[in-house]
Protein backbone atom coordinates (compact mmCIF):
# COMPACT_ATOMS: atom_id res chain seq x y z
CA UNK A 1 -22.78 -29.07 -20.13
CA UNK A 2 -19.13 -28.38 -20.88
CA UNK A 3 -17.54 -25.25 -19.48
CA UNK A 4 -16.95 -22.55 -22.08
CA UNK A 5 -13.30 -22.05 -22.92
CA UNK A 6 -12.44 -18.37 -22.93
CA UNK A 7 -10.39 -16.80 -25.69
CA UNK A 8 -7.14 -14.98 -24.93
CA UNK A 9 -9.02 -11.67 -25.14
CA UNK A 10 -11.84 -12.82 -22.86
CA UNK A 11 -9.32 -14.05 -20.26
CA UNK A 12 -7.46 -10.73 -20.37
CA UNK A 13 -10.71 -8.79 -19.91
CA UNK A 14 -11.76 -11.06 -17.03
CA UNK A 15 -8.36 -10.52 -15.39
CA UNK A 16 -8.78 -6.73 -15.63
CA UNK A 17 -5.68 -6.43 -17.81
CA UNK A 18 -7.08 -3.51 -19.78
CA UNK A 19 -8.22 -1.51 -16.74
CA UNK A 20 -6.25 1.73 -16.87
CA UNK A 21 -7.89 3.55 -13.94
CA UNK A 22 -4.62 3.99 -12.03
CA UNK A 23 -2.26 4.01 -14.98
CA UNK A 24 0.05 6.82 -16.07
CA UNK A 25 -1.17 8.56 -19.23
CA UNK A 26 1.40 6.90 -21.51
CA UNK A 27 0.46 3.42 -20.26
CA UNK A 28 -3.27 4.10 -20.51
CA UNK A 29 -2.81 5.23 -24.12
CA UNK A 30 -0.68 2.23 -25.08
CA UNK A 31 -2.92 -0.27 -23.29
CA UNK A 32 -5.99 1.31 -24.88
CA UNK A 33 -4.43 1.03 -28.33
CA UNK A 34 -3.52 -2.61 -27.77
CA UNK A 35 -6.96 -3.40 -26.40
CA UNK A 36 -8.55 -1.90 -29.51
CA UNK A 37 -6.38 -4.16 -31.70
CA UNK A 38 -7.27 -7.17 -29.54
CA UNK A 39 -10.98 -6.36 -29.78
CA UNK A 40 -10.72 -6.15 -33.59
CA UNK A 41 -8.99 -9.53 -33.76
CA UNK A 42 -11.57 -10.99 -31.37
CA UNK A 43 -14.45 -9.82 -33.57
CA UNK A 44 -12.75 -11.36 -36.59
CA UNK A 45 -12.13 -14.61 -34.71
CA UNK A 46 -15.77 -14.83 -33.67
CA UNK A 47 -16.76 -14.23 -37.29
CA UNK A 48 -14.71 -17.20 -38.40
CA UNK A 49 -16.25 -19.34 -35.66
CA UNK A 50 -19.84 -18.52 -36.55
CA UNK A 51 -19.82 -18.37 -40.35
CA UNK A 52 -19.97 -21.39 -42.60
CA UNK A 53 -16.76 -22.04 -44.49
CA UNK A 54 -16.29 -24.72 -47.12
CA UNK A 55 -13.18 -25.97 -45.35
CA UNK A 56 -13.21 -26.56 -41.58
CA UNK A 57 -9.41 -26.83 -41.51
CA UNK A 58 -9.01 -23.32 -42.92
CA UNK A 59 -11.51 -21.92 -40.41
CA UNK A 60 -9.79 -23.66 -37.50
CA UNK A 61 -6.39 -22.46 -38.67
CA UNK A 62 -7.62 -18.85 -38.86
CA UNK A 63 -9.27 -19.04 -35.43
CA UNK A 64 -6.07 -20.44 -33.92
CA UNK A 65 -3.91 -17.80 -35.64
CA UNK A 66 -6.18 -14.94 -34.50
CA UNK A 67 -6.18 -16.19 -30.91
CA UNK A 68 -2.37 -16.48 -30.98
CA UNK A 69 -2.17 -12.93 -32.31
CA UNK A 70 -4.28 -11.71 -29.39
CA UNK A 71 -2.07 -13.65 -26.98
CA UNK A 72 0.95 -11.81 -28.41
CA UNK A 73 -0.73 -8.43 -27.91
CA UNK A 74 -1.79 -9.43 -24.39
CA UNK A 75 1.86 -10.22 -23.63
CA UNK A 76 2.74 -6.68 -24.77
CA UNK A 77 0.14 -5.31 -22.35
CA UNK A 78 1.68 -7.39 -19.57
CA UNK A 79 5.07 -5.90 -20.48
CA UNK A 80 3.60 -2.41 -20.14
CA UNK A 81 2.23 -3.20 -16.68
CA UNK A 82 5.57 -4.64 -15.60
CA UNK A 83 7.32 -1.46 -16.74
CA UNK A 84 4.79 0.71 -14.90
CA UNK A 85 5.16 -1.38 -11.76
CA UNK A 86 8.95 -1.12 -11.90
CA UNK A 87 8.94 2.62 -12.57
CA UNK A 88 6.28 3.55 -10.06
CA UNK A 89 6.42 0.65 -7.60
CA UNK A 90 2.67 0.15 -8.00
CA UNK A 91 1.25 -3.30 -7.28
CA UNK A 92 -1.08 -4.89 -8.17
CA UNK A 93 -2.53 -3.52 -11.40
CA UNK A 94 -4.86 -6.31 -12.45
CA UNK A 95 -7.33 -8.52 -10.67
CA UNK A 96 -5.08 -11.45 -11.52
CA UNK A 97 -2.17 -9.68 -9.77
CA UNK A 98 -4.40 -9.04 -6.77
CA UNK A 99 -5.45 -12.71 -6.57
CA UNK A 100 -1.82 -13.81 -6.92
CA UNK A 101 -0.75 -11.48 -4.12
CA UNK A 102 -3.56 -12.69 -1.88
CA UNK A 103 -2.63 -16.34 -2.48
CA UNK A 104 1.03 -15.62 -1.71
CA UNK A 105 0.05 -13.80 1.49
CA UNK A 106 -2.15 -16.70 2.59
CA UNK A 107 0.58 -19.30 1.98
């Protein structure tokens, strides 16, 4: 069985990108707002994937566009975390940052 390919939103969630437990209030608010937009786009993307459309090319185009839109919003969230890290010298914020730091320390 082929491994499931995660969407941009699913990868961000798995990486802990939207976890705001240790975030300043402004960052938690902004990340929360962006996550809500990502979740909306993800629901729409899944709708296109599961519903029958008369034209597969249109469906595929919409799915690709929605995933790219989420990727753009995820990059904005990454920008927020970078700003927080620079302003408060807090590392790491996400599980992905933690894994990266651990790999660098082991090298």
